[in-house]
Amino acid sequence: MGVALRDIISDYKTPINWESLSGIAAVDAHNALYQFLSIIRQPDGTPLMDQKGRITSHLSGILFRTVNFMEKGILPVYVFDGKPPEFKQQTIDQRRSAREEAHDLWQEALKRGEIAEAYKQARSSSRLNEEIIGSSKILLKLLGLPYVEAPSEGEAQGAMMVARGDARYIVSQDYDTLLFGGPVLMRNLTISGKRKVHGRTVTVTPERIILSEVLQGLNITREDLVRISILVGTDFNAGVKGIGAKTALKLVRNNEFEKVAEEKLPGIDLEDLMTFFLDPPVTEDYTLEWKEPDREGLMKMLVDGYDFTPDRVEKSLEGLRVKAGQKTLDSWFS
């Protein structure tokens, strides 16, 4: 879900064309998977499934979006969440309850024949489980793509990878990446194209946010940005009711953060929370290597295992082969 900073971030979003996105991209895997599960559905909200009733929306998303990325010269490395911090448990529980409620509302809308409402509620019912995460990793390996297991938050790991120069930018919808020090955040890469928003069709295009430009434009420090987010509410703490990003920005600029936080956010260890954002658990133990796809393995997994049509898989692989053929494989994957 992330932190609601749009009101103070909007001025620092820059539309980007696909041609300027080539390079290594650290993809927030859980965020991307939620997007795939949310969007890739039937008109009544039913996700794509195989004959055994197993959800395959995420596999379609990974396969076809990866081909789209690599055709544009983007080398994705998916970064998976590790163990969440203890203070995230409340958020996890709240999200689980919200998804369960959305599932019930989805089913009720279906019974009433309200297809648009059913689709809306179905999207909010999306959830990740071990089967979805595990099958995603298998598919990435067969596609020849690297992935990284973060010790904690994937966004924090991705931020560190970009800061080290191992990736050019982070792909995520969430602004949390900026709190973890992500130098460059790219949004809308996993959901670009035509989408229905509030009942109308809109074109969603990539946009870039550079952390240094945000901080300079708002005349604040990264620590201040974290303080603003704590007042608004993050994945790790409930915010102060009635305080949005603009109000929080004013409070922080006026040096009123400590006073408001102590009064309105009792029971929260502000020092631990600040430290988690500013110095999160990350690892340097990873290898980034892109290989040729395992065609036989992909066909066995997707066609034999999950009922994908051979033609669709072949077409995807052909897209990768065409791109790879433009250079020697070693130079393209370096």
C-alpha atoms as a PDB file:
ATOM      1  CA  MET A   1       0.000   0.000   0.000  1.00  0.00           C
ATOM      2  CA  GLY A   2       2.840   2.387   0.816  1.00  0.00           C
ATOM      3  CA  VAL A   3       2.724   5.878   2.243  1.00  0.00           C
ATOM      4  CA  ALA A   4       0.362   8.589   0.988  1.00  0.00           C
ATOM      5  CA  LEU A   5       2.796  11.270  -0.162  1.00  0.00           C
ATOM      6  CA  ARG A   6       1.215  12.084  -3.520  1.00  0.00           C
ATOM      7  CA  ASP A   7       0.099  15.574  -2.488  1.00  0.00           C
ATOM      8  CA  ILE A   8       3.679  16.729  -1.957  1.00  0.00           C
ATOM      9  CA  ILE A   9       5.380  14.478  -4.524  1.00  0.00           C
ATOM     10  CA  SER A  10       3.261  15.194  -7.613  1.00  0.00           C
ATOM     11  CA  ASP A  11       5.298  18.214  -8.718  1.00  0.00           C
ATOM     12  CA  TYR A  12       8.417  16.044  -8.912  1.00  0.00           C
ATOM     13  CA  LYS A  13       7.034  13.324 -11.174  1.00  0.00           C
ATOM     14  CA  THR A  14       8.492  13.372 -14.663  1.00  0.00           C
ATOM     15  CA  PRO A  15       6.871  11.491 -17.571  1.00  0.00           C
ATOM     16  CA  ILE A  16       9.423   9.173 -19.180  1.00  0.00           C
ATOM     17  CA  ASN A  17       9.349   7.453 -22.550  1.00  0.00           C
ATOM     18  CA  TRP A  18      10.216   3.787 -22.755  1.00  0.00           C
ATOM     19  CA  GLU A  19      13.247   4.413 -24.959  1.00  0.00           C
ATOM     20  CA  SER A  20      15.075   6.137 -22.083  1.00  0.00           C
ATOM     21  CA  LEU A  21      14.583   3.273 -19.604  1.00  0.00           C
ATOM     22  CA  SER A  22      17.230   0.824 -20.793  1.00  0.00           C
ATOM     23  CA  GLY A  23      19.497  -0.646 -18.141  1.00  0.00           C
ATOM     24  CA  ILE A  24      19.184  -2.764 -15.012  1.00  0.00           C
ATOM     25  CA  ALA A  25      15.949  -2.263 -13.080  1.00  0.00           C
ATOM     26  CA  ALA A  26      15.444  -3.458  -9.499  1.00  0.00           C
ATOM     27  CA  VAL A  27      11.799  -4.533  -9.484  1.00  0.00           C
ATOM     28  CA  ASP A  28       9.875  -4.564  -6.209  1.00  0.00           C
ATOM     29  CA  ALA A  29       8.665  -8.135  -6.722  1.00  0.00           C
ATOM     30  CA  HIS A  30       5.788  -8.215  -4.246  1.00  0.00           C
ATOM     31  CA  ASN A  31       4.492  -4.888  -5.510  1.00  0.00           C
ATOM     32  CA  ALA A  32       4.648  -6.113  -9.113  1.00  0.00           C
ATOM     33  CA  LEU A  33       2.936  -9.403  -8.270  1.00  0.00           C
ATOM     34  CA  TYR A  34       0.091  -7.574  -6.541  1.00  0.00           C
ATOM     35  CA  GLN A  35      -0.306  -5.438  -9.654  1.00  0.00           C
ATOM     36  CA  PHE A  36      -0.432  -8.514 -11.895  1.00  0.00           C
ATOM     37  CA  LEU A  37      -2.924 -10.278  -9.630  1.00  0.00           C
ATOM     38  CA  SER A  38      -5.060  -7.161  -9.399  1.00  0.00           C
ATOM     39  CA  ILE A  39      -5.183  -6.226 -13.069  1.00  0.00           C
ATOM     40  CA  ILE A  40      -4.984  -9.501 -14.989  1.00  0.00           C
ATOM     41  CA  ARG A  41      -8.556 -10.694 -14.440  1.00  0.00           C
ATOM     42  CA  GLN A  42     -11.733 -11.535 -16.299  1.00  0.00           C
ATOM     43  CA  PRO A  43     -14.401  -8.791 -16.601  1.00  0.00           C
ATOM     44  CA  ASP A  44     -16.240 -10.212 -13.566  1.00  0.00           C
ATOM     45  CA  GLY A  45     -13.056 -10.109 -11.475  1.00  0.00           C
ATOM     46  CA  THR A  46     -12.151 -13.784 -11.751  1.00  0.00           C
ATOM     47  CA  PRO A  47      -8.350 -14.179 -11.997  1.00  0.00           C
ATOM     48  CA  LEU A  48      -6.762 -16.275 -14.708  1.00  0.00           C
ATOM     49  CA  MET A  49      -6.647 -19.900 -13.592  1.00  0.00           C
ATOM     50  CA  ASP A  50      -5.585 -23.274 -14.925  1.00  0.00           C
ATOM     51  CA  GLN A  51      -7.797 -26.364 -15.094  1.00  0.00           C
ATOM     52  CA  LYS A  52      -6.890 -27.217 -11.506  1.00  0.00           C
ATOM     53  CA  GLY A  53      -8.149 -23.864 -10.268  1.00  0.00           C
ATOM     54  CA  ARG A  54      -4.681 -22.478  -9.574  1.00  0.00           C
ATOM     55  CA  ILE A  55      -4.237 -18.756 -10.190  1.00  0.00           C
ATOM     56  CA  THR A  56      -1.965 -17.947 -13.130  1.00  0.00           C
ATOM     57  CA  SER A  57      -2.416 -14.170 -13.447  1.00  0.00           C
ATOM     58  CA  HIS A  58       0.990 -13.553 -11.876  1.00  0.00           C
ATOM     59  CA  LEU A  59       2.706 -15.952 -14.268  1.00  0.00           C
ATOM     60  CA  SER A  60       1.155 -14.201 -17.258  1.00  0.00           C
ATOM     61  CA  GLY A  61       2.246 -10.865 -15.837  1.00  0.00           C
ATOM     62  CA  ILE A  62       5.832 -11.940 -15.292  1.00  0.00           C
ATOM     63  CA  LEU A  63       6.122 -13.614 -18.706  1.00  0.00           C
ATOM     64  CA  PHE A  64       4.654 -10.898 -20.887  1.00  0.00           C
ATOM     65  CA  ARG A  65       5.893  -7.885 -18.916  1.00  0.00           C
ATOM     66  CA  THR A  66       9.399  -9.351 -18.826  1.00  0.00           C
ATOM     67  CA  VAL A  67       9.364  -9.750 -22.601  1.00  0.00           C
ATOM     68  CA  ASN A  68       8.118  -6.176 -22.893  1.00  0.00           C
ATOM     69  CA  PHE A  69      10.923  -4.965 -20.609  1.00  0.00           C
ATOM     70  CA  MET A  70      13.686  -6.799 -22.407  1.00  0.00           C
ATOM     71  CA  GLU A  71      12.496  -5.771 -25.846  1.00  0.00           C
ATOM     72  CA  LYS A  72      13.029  -2.203 -24.620  1.00  0.00           C
ATOM     73  CA  GLY A  73      16.496  -2.928 -23.272  1.00  0.00           C
ATOM     74  CA  ILE A  74      15.411  -3.147 -19.622  1.00  0.00           C
ATOM     75  CA  LEU A  75      17.105  -5.926 -17.638  1.00  0.00           C
ATOM     76  CA  PRO A  76      14.863  -6.664 -14.645  1.00  0.00           C
ATOM     77  CA  VAL A  77      16.029  -8.153 -11.376  1.00  0.00           C
ATOM     78  CA  TYR A  78      13.106  -8.980  -9.109  1.00  0.00           C
ATOM     79  CA  VAL A  79      13.659  -8.261  -5.413  1.00  0.00           C
ATOM     80  CA  PHE A  80      11.523 -10.298  -3.007  1.00  0.00           C
ATOM     81  CA  ASP A  81      10.579  -9.325   0.537  1.00  0.00           C
ATOM     82  CA  GLY A  82      12.112 -11.212   3.419  1.00  0.00           C
ATOM     83  CA  LYS A  83      10.933 -11.299   7.018  1.00  0.00           C
ATOM     84  CA  PRO A  84       8.864  -8.232   7.921  1.00  0.00           C
ATOM     85  CA  PRO A  85       9.739  -6.272  11.072  1.00  0.00           C
ATOM     86  CA  GLU A  86       7.592  -6.966  14.095  1.00  0.00           C
ATOM     87  CA  PHE A  87       5.989  -3.516  13.974  1.00  0.00           C
ATOM     88  CA  LYS A  88       4.530  -4.338  10.540  1.00  0.00           C
ATOM     89  CA  GLN A  89       2.285  -7.071  11.941  1.00  0.00           C
ATOM     90  CA  GLN A  90      -0.634  -4.747  12.585  1.00  0.00           C
ATOM     91  CA  THR A  91      -0.565  -3.589   8.967  1.00  0.00           C
ATOM     92  CA  ILE A  92      -0.380  -7.182   7.758  1.00  0.00           C
ATOM     93  CA  ASP A  93      -3.409  -8.118   9.863  1.00  0.00           C
ATOM     94  CA  GLN A  94      -5.370  -5.096   8.642  1.00  0.00           C
ATOM     95  CA  ARG A  95      -4.609  -5.881   5.018  1.00  0.00           C
ATOM     96  CA  ARG A  96      -5.652  -9.496   5.471  1.00  0.00           C
ATOM     97  CA  SER A  97      -8.988  -8.384   6.925  1.00  0.00           C
ATOM     98  CA  ALA A  98      -9.501  -5.866   4.104  1.00  0.00           C
ATOM     99  CA  ARG A  99      -8.803  -8.529   1.460  1.00  0.00           C
ATOM    100  CA  GLU A 100     -11.231 -10.945   3.092  1.00  0.00           C
ATOM    101  CA  GLU A 101     -13.915  -8.260   3.216  1.00  0.00           C
ATOM    102  CA  ALA A 102     -13.289  -7.386  -0.447  1.00  0.00           C
ATOM    103  CA  HIS A 103     -13.595 -11.068  -1.379  1.00  0.00           C
ATOM    104  CA  ASP A 104     -16.993 -11.283   0.301  1.00  0.00           C
ATOM    105  CA  LEU A 105     -18.143  -8.071  -1.404  1.00  0.00           C
ATOM    106  CA  TRP A 106     -16.922  -9.445  -4.739  1.00  0.00           C
ATOM    107  CA  GLN A 107     -19.012 -12.587  -4.348  1.00  0.00           C
ATOM    108  CA  GLU A 108     -22.059 -10.593  -3.277  1.00  0.00           C
ATOM    109  CA  ALA A 109     -21.737  -8.315  -6.313  1.00  0.00           C
ATOM    110  CA  LEU A 110     -21.516 -11.354  -8.580  1.00  0.00           C
ATOM    111  CA  LYS A 111     -24.746 -12.710  -7.126  1.00  0.00           C
ATOM    112  CA  ARG A 112     -26.437  -9.362  -7.840  1.00  0.00           C
ATOM    113  CA  GLY A 113     -25.064  -9.354 -11.378  1.00  0.00           C
ATOM    114  CA  GLU A 114     -23.118  -6.113 -10.795  1.00  0.00           C
ATOM    115  CA  ILE A 115     -20.103  -6.912 -12.941  1.00  0.00           C
ATOM    116  CA  ALA A 116     -18.313  -3.547 -12.634  1.00  0.00           C
ATOM    117  CA  GLU A 117     -18.605  -3.604  -8.842  1.00  0.00           C
ATOM    118  CA  ALA A 118     -17.519  -7.246  -8.789  1.00  0.00           C
ATOM    119  CA  TYR A 119     -14.380  -6.419 -10.747  1.00  0.00           C
ATOM    120  CA  LYS A 120     -13.572  -3.521  -8.424  1.00  0.00           C
ATOM    121  CA  GLN A 121     -13.900  -5.603  -5.270  1.00  0.00           C
ATOM    122  CA  ALA A 122     -12.077  -8.564  -6.814  1.00  0.00           C
ATOM    123  CA  ARG A 123      -9.026  -6.396  -7.468  1.00  0.00           C
ATOM    124  CA  SER A 124      -8.914  -5.436  -3.798  1.00  0.00           C
ATOM    125  CA  SER A 125      -9.069  -9.104  -2.754  1.00  0.00           C
ATOM    126  CA  SER A 126      -5.715 -10.000  -4.344  1.00  0.00           C
ATOM    127  CA  ARG A 127      -3.285 -11.732  -2.019  1.00  0.00           C
ATOM    128  CA  LEU A 128       0.102 -13.346  -2.208  1.00  0.00           C
ATOM    129  CA  ASN A 129       0.798 -16.797  -0.834  1.00  0.00           C
ATOM    130  CA  GLU A 130       3.726 -19.195  -0.864  1.00  0.00           C
ATOM    131  CA  GLU A 131       2.495 -20.939  -4.010  1.00  0.00           C
ATOM    132  CA  ILE A 132       2.333 -17.686  -5.958  1.00  0.00           C
ATOM    133  CA  ILE A 133       5.712 -16.493  -4.737  1.00  0.00           C
ATOM    134  CA  GLY A 134       7.323 -19.898  -5.271  1.00  0.00           C
ATOM    135  CA  SER A 135       5.991 -20.350  -8.809  1.00  0.00           C
ATOM    136  CA  SER A 136       7.085 -16.802  -9.644  1.00  0.00           C
ATOM    137  CA  LYS A 137      10.667 -17.580  -8.656  1.00  0.00           C
ATOM    138  CA  ILE A 138      10.654 -20.781 -10.701  1.00  0.00           C
ATOM    139  CA  LEU A 139       9.423 -18.890 -13.755  1.00  0.00           C
ATOM    140  CA  LEU A 140      12.045 -16.167 -13.339  1.00  0.00           C
ATOM    141  CA  LYS A 141      14.775 -18.786 -13.153  1.00  0.00           C
ATOM    142  CA  LEU A 142      13.514 -20.489 -16.322  1.00  0.00           C
ATOM    143  CA  LEU A 143      13.428 -17.107 -18.061  1.00  0.00           C
ATOM    144  CA  GLY A 144      17.088 -16.679 -17.165  1.00  0.00           C
ATOM    145  CA  LEU A 145      16.434 -13.727 -14.874  1.00  0.00           C
ATOM    146  CA  PRO A 146      18.146 -13.099 -11.545  1.00  0.00           C
ATOM    147  CA  TYR A 147      16.187 -12.402  -8.383  1.00  0.00           C
ATOM    148  CA  VAL A 148      17.285 -11.262  -4.959  1.00  0.00           C
ATOM    149  CA  GLU A 149      15.991 -12.378  -1.574  1.00  0.00           C
ATOM    150  CA  ALA A 150      15.924  -9.327   0.683  1.00  0.00           C
ATOM    151  CA  PRO A 151      16.461  -9.895   4.410  1.00  0.00           C
ATOM    152  CA  SER A 152      13.449  -7.676   5.080  1.00  0.00           C
ATOM    153  CA  GLU A 153      11.727  -5.104   2.823  1.00  0.00           C
ATOM    154  CA  GLY A 154      12.304  -5.517  -0.907  1.00  0.00           C
ATOM    155  CA  GLU A 155      12.081  -1.756  -1.455  1.00  0.00           C
ATOM    156  CA  ALA A 156      14.929  -1.183   0.983  1.00  0.00           C
ATOM    157  CA  GLN A 157      17.035  -3.790  -0.788  1.00  0.00           C
ATOM    158  CA  GLY A 158      16.276  -2.260  -4.177  1.00  0.00           C
ATOM    159  CA  ALA A 159      17.166   1.200  -2.868  1.00  0.00           C
ATOM    160  CA  MET A 160      20.566  -0.064  -1.738  1.00  0.00           C
ATOM    161  CA  MET A 161      21.198  -1.775  -5.077  1.00  0.00           C
ATOM    162  CA  VAL A 162      20.559   1.464  -6.949  1.00  0.00           C
ATOM    163  CA  ALA A 163      22.664   3.461  -4.478  1.00  0.00           C
ATOM    164  CA  ARG A 164      25.539   1.001  -5.058  1.00  0.00           C
ATOM    165  CA  GLY A 165      25.220   1.338  -8.811  1.00  0.00           C
ATOM    166  CA  ASP A 166      24.111  -2.270  -9.325  1.00  0.00           C
ATOM    167  CA  ALA A 167      20.813  -1.088 -10.812  1.00  0.00           C
ATOM    168  CA  ARG A 168      19.768   2.107 -12.535  1.00  0.00           C
ATOM    169  CA  TYR A 169      16.426   2.570 -10.794  1.00  0.00           C
ATOM    170  CA  ILE A 170      13.749   0.870  -8.704  1.00  0.00           C
ATOM    171  CA  VAL A 171      10.419  -0.203 -10.185  1.00  0.00           C
ATOM    172  CA  SER A 172       7.547   0.133  -7.706  1.00  0.00           C
ATOM    173  CA  GLN A 173       4.244   1.929  -7.241  1.00  0.00           C
ATOM    174  CA  ASP A 174       5.002   2.780  -3.627  1.00  0.00           C
ATOM    175  CA  TYR A 175       6.707   5.941  -2.415  1.00  0.00           C
ATOM    176  CA  ASP A 176       8.277   3.988   0.475  1.00  0.00           C
ATOM    177  CA  THR A 177      11.245   3.442  -1.806  1.00  0.00           C
ATOM    178  CA  LEU A 178      12.165   7.107  -1.321  1.00  0.00           C
ATOM    179  CA  LEU A 179      12.085   6.748   2.458  1.00  0.00           C
ATOM    180  CA  PHE A 180      14.609   3.918   2.205  1.00  0.00           C
ATOM    181  CA  GLY A 181      16.906   6.190   0.225  1.00  0.00           C
ATOM    182  CA  GLY A 182      16.100   4.966  -3.283  1.00  0.00           C
ATOM    183  CA  PRO A 183      17.804   7.514  -5.566  1.00  0.00           C
ATOM    184  CA  VAL A 184      15.496   6.956  -8.547  1.00  0.00           C
ATOM    185  CA  LEU A 185      11.966   5.523  -8.477  1.00  0.00           C
ATOM    186  CA  MET A 186      10.133   4.517 -11.643  1.00  0.00           C
ATOM    187  CA  ARG A 187       6.376   4.109 -11.365  1.00  0.00           C
ATOM    188  CA  ASN A 188       3.826   2.584 -13.748  1.00  0.00           C
ATOM    189  CA  LEU A 189       6.242   0.195 -15.464  1.00  0.00           C
ATOM    190  CA  THR A 190       4.280  -2.887 -14.415  1.00  0.00           C
ATOM    191  CA  ILE A 191       0.861  -1.357 -15.096  1.00  0.00           C
ATOM    192  CA  SER A 192       1.485   0.815 -18.158  1.00  0.00           C
ATOM    193  CA  GLY A 193      -1.041   0.795 -20.970  1.00  0.00           C
ATOM    194  CA  LYS A 194      -4.779   1.430 -20.984  1.00  0.00           C
ATOM    195  CA  ARG A 195      -6.468   0.922 -17.621  1.00  0.00           C
ATOM    196  CA  LYS A 196      -9.915   1.542 -16.187  1.00  0.00           C
ATOM    197  CA  VAL A 197      -9.780   4.110 -13.398  1.00  0.00           C
ATOM    198  CA  HIS A 198     -13.009   5.122 -11.639  1.00  0.00           C
ATOM    199  CA  GLY A 199     -15.051   3.752 -14.507  1.00  0.00           C
ATOM    200  CA  ARG A 200     -13.174   5.434 -17.348  1.00  0.00           C
ATOM    201  CA  THR A 201     -10.326   4.290 -19.538  1.00  0.00           C
ATOM    202  CA  VAL A 202      -7.032   6.128 -19.128  1.00  0.00           C
ATOM    203  CA  THR A 203      -3.542   5.642 -20.522  1.00  0.00           C
ATOM    204  CA  VAL A 204      -0.972   4.944 -17.823  1.00  0.00           C
ATOM    205  CA  THR A 205       2.601   5.864 -18.749  1.00  0.00           C
ATOM    206  CA  PRO A 206       5.939   5.558 -16.921  1.00  0.00           C
ATOM    207  CA  GLU A 207       6.972   8.339 -14.567  1.00  0.00           C
ATOM    208  CA  ARG A 208      10.231   9.038 -12.765  1.00  0.00           C
ATOM    209  CA  ILE A 209      10.845  10.478  -9.307  1.00  0.00           C
ATOM    210  CA  ILE A 210      14.369  11.467  -8.253  1.00  0.00           C
ATOM    211  CA  LEU A 211      14.840  11.610  -4.484  1.00  0.00           C
ATOM    212  CA  SER A 212      17.353  14.468  -4.547  1.00  0.00           C
ATOM    213  CA  GLU A 213      14.942  16.618  -6.569  1.00  0.00           C
ATOM    214  CA  VAL A 214      12.138  15.954  -4.079  1.00  0.00           C
ATOM    215  CA  LEU A 215      14.290  16.868  -1.086  1.00  0.00           C
ATOM    216  CA  GLN A 216      15.701  19.974  -2.736  1.00  0.00           C
ATOM    217  CA  GLY A 217      12.310  21.112  -3.996  1.00  0.00           C
ATOM    218  CA  LEU A 218      10.636  20.687  -0.619  1.00  0.00           C
ATOM    219  CA  ASN A 219      13.724  22.033   1.198  1.00  0.00           C
ATOM    220  CA  ILE A 220      13.823  19.085   3.567  1.00  0.00           C
ATOM    221  CA  THR A 221      16.176  16.225   4.433  1.00  0.00           C
ATOM    222  CA  ARG A 222      15.517  12.521   3.952  1.00  0.00           C
ATOM    223  CA  GLU A 223      15.053  12.326   7.716  1.00  0.00           C
ATOM    224  CA  ASP A 224      12.359  14.965   7.393  1.00  0.00           C
ATOM    225  CA  LEU A 225      10.672  12.940   4.644  1.00  0.00           C
ATOM    226  CA  VAL A 226      10.561   9.962   6.992  1.00  0.00           C
ATOM    227  CA  ARG A 227       9.118  12.157   9.765  1.00  0.00           C
ATOM    228  CA  ILE A 228       6.424  13.411   7.394  1.00  0.00           C
ATOM    229  CA  SER A 229       5.567   9.836   6.459  1.00  0.00           C
ATOM    230  CA  ILE A 230       5.331   8.720  10.086  1.00  0.00           C
ATOM    231  CA  LEU A 231       2.735  11.428  10.741  1.00  0.00           C
ATOM    232  CA  VAL A 232       0.802  10.472   7.595  1.00  0.00           C
ATOM    233  CA  GLY A 233       1.108   6.751   8.280  1.00  0.00           C
ATOM    234  CA  THR A 234       3.358   4.060   6.815  1.00  0.00           C
ATOM    235  CA  ASP A 235       3.261   0.300   6.374  1.00  0.00           C
ATOM    236  CA  PHE A 236       4.736   0.125   9.871  1.00  0.00           C
ATOM    237  CA  ASN A 237       2.630   2.597  11.826  1.00  0.00           C
ATOM    238  CA  ALA A 238      -0.801   4.189  11.806  1.00  0.00           C
ATOM    239  CA  GLY A 239      -0.647   7.893  11.105  1.00  0.00           C
ATOM    240  CA  VAL A 240      -2.321  10.766  12.902  1.00  0.00           C
ATOM    241  CA  LYS A 241      -5.977  11.052  11.970  1.00  0.00           C
ATOM    242  CA  GLY A 242      -6.640  14.188   9.978  1.00  0.00           C
ATOM    243  CA  ILE A 243      -3.009  14.803   9.029  1.00  0.00           C
ATOM    244  CA  GLY A 244      -2.187  14.486   5.345  1.00  0.00           C
ATOM    245  CA  ALA A 245       1.099  15.012   3.552  1.00  0.00           C
ATOM    246  CA  LYS A 246       0.781  18.789   3.197  1.00  0.00           C
ATOM    247  CA  THR A 247      -0.056  19.304   6.875  1.00  0.00           C
ATOM    248  CA  ALA A 248       2.714  16.934   7.933  1.00  0.00           C
ATOM    249  CA  LEU A 249       5.185  18.870   5.782  1.00  0.00           C
ATOM    250  CA  LYS A 250       4.250  22.113   7.558  1.00  0.00           C
ATOM    251  CA  LEU A 251       4.591  20.503  10.984  1.00  0.00           C
ATOM    252  CA  VAL A 252       8.023  19.109  10.186  1.00  0.00           C
ATOM    253  CA  ARG A 253       9.208  22.412   8.729  1.00  0.00           C
ATOM    254  CA  ASN A 254       8.042  24.136  11.918  1.00  0.00           C
ATOM    255  CA  ASN A 255       9.962  21.618  14.057  1.00  0.00           C
ATOM    256  CA  GLU A 256       6.727  20.326  15.591  1.00  0.00           C
ATOM    257  CA  PHE A 257       7.218  16.655  14.678  1.00  0.00           C
ATOM    258  CA  GLU A 258       8.399  15.468  18.091  1.00  0.00           C
ATOM    259  CA  LYS A 259       5.595  17.246  19.922  1.00  0.00           C
ATOM    260  CA  VAL A 260       2.821  15.986  17.642  1.00  0.00           C
ATOM    261  CA  ALA A 261       4.204  12.455  17.427  1.00  0.00           C
ATOM    262  CA  GLU A 262       4.556  12.089  21.182  1.00  0.00           C
ATOM    263  CA  GLU A 263       1.035  13.415  21.728  1.00  0.00           C
ATOM    264  CA  LYS A 264      -0.788  11.727  18.843  1.00  0.00           C
ATOM    265  CA  LEU A 265       1.213   8.518  18.323  1.00  0.00           C
ATOM    266  CA  PRO A 266       1.548   6.975  21.793  1.00  0.00           C
ATOM    267  CA  GLY A 267       3.175   3.577  22.032  1.00  0.00           C
ATOM    268  CA  ILE A 268       5.276   3.975  18.878  1.00  0.00           C
ATOM    269  CA  ASP A 269       9.037   3.720  19.223  1.00  0.00           C
ATOM    270  CA  LEU A 270       9.962   6.625  16.972  1.00  0.00           C
ATOM    271  CA  GLU A 271      13.687   5.918  17.205  1.00  0.00           C
ATOM    272  CA  ASP A 272      13.292   2.311  16.028  1.00  0.00           C
ATOM    273  CA  LEU A 273      10.984   3.393  13.213  1.00  0.00           C
ATOM    274  CA  MET A 274      13.337   6.118  12.017  1.00  0.00           C
ATOM    275  CA  THR A 275      16.282   3.733  12.167  1.00  0.00           C
ATOM    276  CA  PHE A 276      14.435   1.098  10.142  1.00  0.00           C
ATOM    277  CA  PHE A 277      13.868   3.557   7.296  1.00  0.00           C
ATOM    278  CA  LEU A 278      17.275   5.217   7.429  1.00  0.00           C
ATOM    279  CA  ASP A 279      19.369   2.085   7.992  1.00  0.00           C
ATOM    280  CA  PRO A 280      17.222  -0.909   6.972  1.00  0.00           C
ATOM    281  CA  PRO A 281      18.349  -4.547   6.844  1.00  0.00           C
ATOM    282  CA  VAL A 282      19.854  -5.252   3.403  1.00  0.00           C
ATOM    283  CA  THR A 283      22.321  -7.705   1.920  1.00  0.00           C
ATOM    284  CA  GLU A 284      25.188  -7.458  -0.538  1.00  0.00           C
ATOM    285  CA  ASP A 285      25.147 -11.218  -1.029  1.00  0.00           C
ATOM    286  CA  TYR A 286      23.645 -11.448  -4.505  1.00  0.00           C
ATOM    287  CA  THR A 287      24.750 -12.077  -8.069  1.00  0.00           C
ATOM    288  CA  LEU A 288      23.183 -10.371 -11.067  1.00  0.00           C
ATOM    289  CA  GLU A 289      23.425 -12.558 -14.142  1.00  0.00           C
ATOM    290  CA  TRP A 290      21.046 -12.809 -17.095  1.00  0.00           C
ATOM    291  CA  LYS A 291      20.983 -16.041 -19.066  1.00  0.00           C
ATOM    292  CA  GLU A 292      19.231 -17.446 -22.099  1.00  0.00           C
ATOM    293  CA  PRO A 293      15.711 -18.700 -21.355  1.00  0.00           C
ATOM    294  CA  ASP A 294      15.212 -22.430 -20.813  1.00  0.00           C
ATOM    295  CA  ARG A 295      12.711 -23.062 -23.607  1.00  0.00           C
ATOM    296  CA  GLU A 296      12.067 -26.699 -22.730  1.00  0.00           C
ATOM    297  CA  GLY A 297      11.644 -25.890 -19.061  1.00  0.00           C
ATOM    298  CA  LEU A 298       9.293 -23.000 -19.797  1.00  0.00           C
ATOM    299  CA  MET A 299       7.096 -25.097 -22.062  1.00  0.00           C
ATOM    300  CA  LYS A 300       6.955 -27.861 -19.461  1.00  0.00           C
ATOM    301  CA  MET A 301       6.062 -25.456 -16.665  1.00  0.00           C
ATOM    302  CA  LEU A 302       3.640 -23.139 -18.435  1.00  0.00           C
ATOM    303  CA  VAL A 303       2.054 -25.351 -21.100  1.00  0.00           C
ATOM    304  CA  ASP A 304       2.107 -28.755 -19.415  1.00  0.00           C
ATOM    305  CA  GLY A 305       1.863 -27.475 -15.854  1.00  0.00           C
ATOM    306  CA  TYR A 306      -0.394 -24.406 -16.040  1.00  0.00           C
ATOM    307  CA  ASP A 307      -2.338 -24.816 -19.304  1.00  0.00           C
ATOM    308  CA  PHE A 308      -0.775 -21.883 -21.180  1.00  0.00           C
ATOM    309  CA  THR A 309      -1.212 -22.151 -24.941  1.00  0.00           C
ATOM    310  CA  PRO A 310       2.028 -23.150 -26.711  1.00  0.00           C
ATOM    311  CA  ASP A 311       1.649 -20.360 -29.272  1.00  0.00           C
ATOM    312  CA  ARG A 312       1.595 -17.617 -26.617  1.00  0.00           C
ATOM    313  CA  VAL A 313       4.686 -18.974 -24.900  1.00  0.00           C
ATOM    314  CA  GLU A 314       6.498 -19.445 -28.219  1.00  0.00           C
ATOM    315  CA  LYS A 315       5.645 -15.899 -29.246  1.00  0.00           C
ATOM    316  CA  SER A 316       7.087 -14.573 -25.996  1.00  0.00           C
ATOM    317  CA  LEU A 317      10.274 -16.568 -26.400  1.00  0.00           C
ATOM    318  CA  GLU A 318      10.570 -15.357 -29.974  1.00  0.00           C
ATOM    319  CA  GLY A 319      10.469 -11.788 -28.698  1.00  0.00           C
ATOM    320  CA  LEU A 320      13.392 -12.531 -26.411  1.00  0.00           C
ATOM    321  CA  ARG A 321      15.329 -14.295 -29.174  1.00  0.00           C
ATOM    322  CA  VAL A 322      14.852 -11.410 -31.592  1.00  0.00           C
ATOM    323  CA  LYS A 323      16.126  -8.917 -29.051  1.00  0.00           C
ATOM    324  CA  ALA A 324      19.046 -11.090 -28.032  1.00  0.00           C
ATOM    325  CA  GLY A 325      19.980 -11.554 -31.686  1.00  0.00           C
ATOM    326  CA  GLN A 326      20.611  -7.838 -32.087  1.00  0.00           C
ATOM    327  CA  LYS A 327      23.875  -8.206 -30.182  1.00  0.00           C
ATOM    328  CA  THR A 328      25.969 -11.067 -28.965  1.00  0.00           C
ATOM    329  CA  LEU A 329      24.229 -12.536 -25.958  1.00  0.00           C
ATOM    330  CA  ASP A 330      27.215 -11.810 -23.712  1.00  0.00           C
ATOM    331  CA  SER A 331      27.241  -8.102 -24.542  1.00  0.00           C
ATOM    332  CA  TRP A 332      23.485  -7.725 -24.213  1.00  0.00           C
ATOM    333  CA  PHE A 333      23.328  -9.468 -20.853  1.00  0.00           C
ATOM    334  CA  SER A 334      26.368  -7.673 -19.422  1.00  0.00           C
END
